[in-house]
């Protein structure tokens, strides 16, 4: 069984979303990542072991630790704010 956690930054930014359609998209992507942690684009260099999923116009960043069977949602940020 996979253990799911979230960073305080992710919780804060997810709470600020006011658009209900966007909230549903984020919830669906989170559920999809929990089912299959290998989806999304793997990051390189200093962000190694993290993955990103694109939810227009945002990106959802998560850390997948296979050895501990853990997924930690790190951040939800605007694509232009990279």
C-alpha atoms as a PDB file:
ATOM      1  CA  UNK A   1       0.000   0.000   0.000  1.00  0.00           C
ATOM      2  CA  UNK A   2       1.225   3.466  -0.887  1.00  0.00           C
ATOM      3  CA  UNK A   3       1.602   6.136   1.794  1.00  0.00           C
ATOM      4  CA  UNK A   4       0.518   9.599   0.622  1.00  0.00           C
ATOM      5  CA  UNK A   5       1.681  12.864   2.144  1.00  0.00           C
ATOM      6  CA  UNK A   6       1.779  16.511   1.202  1.00  0.00           C
ATOM      7  CA  UNK A   7       4.008  19.463   1.855  1.00  0.00           C
ATOM      8  CA  UNK A   8       2.655  22.570   3.565  1.00  0.00           C
ATOM      9  CA  UNK A   9       3.247  24.579   0.364  1.00  0.00           C
ATOM     10  CA  UNK A  10       1.035  22.207  -1.617  1.00  0.00           C
ATOM     11  CA  UNK A  11      -1.735  22.349   0.985  1.00  0.00           C
ATOM     12  CA  UNK A  12      -1.637  26.148   1.088  1.00  0.00           C
ATOM     13  CA  UNK A  13      -1.775  26.564  -2.690  1.00  0.00           C
ATOM     14  CA  UNK A  14      -4.414  23.888  -3.220  1.00  0.00           C
ATOM     15  CA  UNK A  15      -6.617  25.571  -0.626  1.00  0.00           C
ATOM     16  CA  UNK A  16      -6.424  28.880  -2.527  1.00  0.00           C
ATOM     17  CA  UNK A  17      -7.931  27.465  -5.730  1.00  0.00           C
ATOM     18  CA  UNK A  18     -11.387  28.958  -6.186  1.00  0.00           C
ATOM     19  CA  UNK A  19     -12.338  27.495  -9.556  1.00  0.00           C
ATOM     20  CA  UNK A  20     -14.325  24.287  -8.927  1.00  0.00           C
ATOM     21  CA  UNK A  21     -13.469  22.817 -12.333  1.00  0.00           C
ATOM     22  CA  UNK A  22      -9.759  23.249 -11.629  1.00  0.00           C
ATOM     23  CA  UNK A  23     -10.156  21.713  -8.158  1.00  0.00           C
ATOM     24  CA  UNK A  24     -11.727  18.637  -9.731  1.00  0.00           C
ATOM     25  CA  UNK A  25      -8.879  18.366 -12.248  1.00  0.00           C
ATOM     26  CA  UNK A  26      -6.329  18.516  -9.436  1.00  0.00           C
ATOM     27  CA  UNK A  27      -8.209  15.872  -7.432  1.00  0.00           C
ATOM     28  CA  UNK A  28      -8.373  13.567 -10.457  1.00  0.00           C
ATOM     29  CA  UNK A  29      -4.651  13.948 -11.141  1.00  0.00           C
ATOM     30  CA  UNK A  30      -3.787  13.291  -7.483  1.00  0.00           C
ATOM     31  CA  UNK A  31      -5.888  10.113  -7.554  1.00  0.00           C
ATOM     32  CA  UNK A  32      -4.257   9.099 -10.829  1.00  0.00           C
ATOM     33  CA  UNK A  33      -0.760   9.592  -9.377  1.00  0.00           C
ATOM     34  CA  UNK A  34      -1.663   7.529  -6.295  1.00  0.00           C
ATOM     35  CA  UNK A  35      -2.815   4.674  -8.557  1.00  0.00           C
ATOM     36  CA  UNK A  36       0.258   4.885 -10.816  1.00  0.00           C
ATOM     37  CA  UNK A  37       3.229   6.863  -9.417  1.00  0.00           C
ATOM     38  CA  UNK A  38       5.187   6.535 -12.666  1.00  0.00           C
ATOM     39  CA  UNK A  39       3.008   8.979 -14.611  1.00  0.00           C
ATOM     40  CA  UNK A  40       4.243  12.462 -15.262  1.00  0.00           C
ATOM     41  CA  UNK A  41       7.498  13.844 -16.518  1.00  0.00           C
ATOM     42  CA  UNK A  42      10.562  12.826 -14.486  1.00  0.00           C
ATOM     43  CA  UNK A  43      12.708  15.796 -13.492  1.00  0.00           C
ATOM     44  CA  UNK A  44      16.500  15.947 -13.695  1.00  0.00           C
ATOM     45  CA  UNK A  45      19.489  17.477 -11.938  1.00  0.00           C
ATOM     46  CA  UNK A  46      18.631  19.083  -8.579  1.00  0.00           C
ATOM     47  CA  UNK A  47      15.001  17.895  -8.803  1.00  0.00           C
ATOM     48  CA  UNK A  48      15.891  14.242  -9.364  1.00  0.00           C
ATOM     49  CA  UNK A  49      13.310  11.669  -8.121  1.00  0.00           C
ATOM     50  CA  UNK A  50      10.479  14.173  -8.555  1.00  0.00           C
ATOM     51  CA  UNK A  51       7.825  14.111 -11.241  1.00  0.00           C
ATOM     52  CA  UNK A  52       5.531  16.741 -12.671  1.00  0.00           C
ATOM     53  CA  UNK A  53       2.047  16.473 -14.110  1.00  0.00           C
ATOM     54  CA  UNK A  54       0.644  19.300 -16.216  1.00  0.00           C
ATOM     55  CA  UNK A  55      -2.818  20.572 -15.271  1.00  0.00           C
ATOM     56  CA  UNK A  56      -3.433  23.591 -17.492  1.00  0.00           C
ATOM     57  CA  UNK A  57      -2.086  26.203 -16.585  1.00  0.00           C
ATOM     58  CA  UNK A  58      -0.498  24.663 -13.471  1.00  0.00           C
ATOM     59  CA  UNK A  59       2.050  21.987 -12.712  1.00  0.00           C
ATOM     60  CA  UNK A  60       1.752  19.481  -9.905  1.00  0.00           C
ATOM     61  CA  UNK A  61       5.097  18.377  -8.491  1.00  0.00           C
ATOM     62  CA  UNK A  62       5.464  15.191  -6.456  1.00  0.00           C
ATOM     63  CA  UNK A  63       8.219  13.079  -4.963  1.00  0.00           C
ATOM     64  CA  UNK A  64       7.955   9.315  -5.451  1.00  0.00           C
ATOM     65  CA  UNK A  65      10.038   7.138  -3.126  1.00  0.00           C
ATOM     66  CA  UNK A  66       9.765   3.564  -4.353  1.00  0.00           C
ATOM     67  CA  UNK A  67      11.895   2.116  -1.562  1.00  0.00           C
ATOM     68  CA  UNK A  68       9.531   3.478   1.107  1.00  0.00           C
ATOM     69  CA  UNK A  69       6.344   3.175  -0.991  1.00  0.00           C
ATOM     70  CA  UNK A  70       5.631   6.869  -0.410  1.00  0.00           C
ATOM     71  CA  UNK A  71       4.289   9.718  -2.536  1.00  0.00           C
ATOM     72  CA  UNK A  72       4.698  13.292  -1.303  1.00  0.00           C
ATOM     73  CA  UNK A  73       2.952  16.107  -3.147  1.00  0.00           C
ATOM     74  CA  UNK A  74       5.371  19.040  -3.088  1.00  0.00           C
ATOM     75  CA  UNK A  75       3.953  21.987  -4.981  1.00  0.00           C
ATOM     76  CA  UNK A  76       1.238  23.270  -7.280  1.00  0.00           C
ATOM     77  CA  UNK A  77       2.526  26.230  -9.235  1.00  0.00           C
ATOM     78  CA  UNK A  78       1.721  28.261 -12.327  1.00  0.00           C
ATOM     79  CA  UNK A  79       3.595  27.252 -15.446  1.00  0.00           C
ATOM     80  CA  UNK A  80       4.879  30.788 -16.087  1.00  0.00           C
ATOM     81  CA  UNK A  81       6.194  31.067 -12.535  1.00  0.00           C
ATOM     82  CA  UNK A  82       8.987  28.528 -12.946  1.00  0.00           C
END
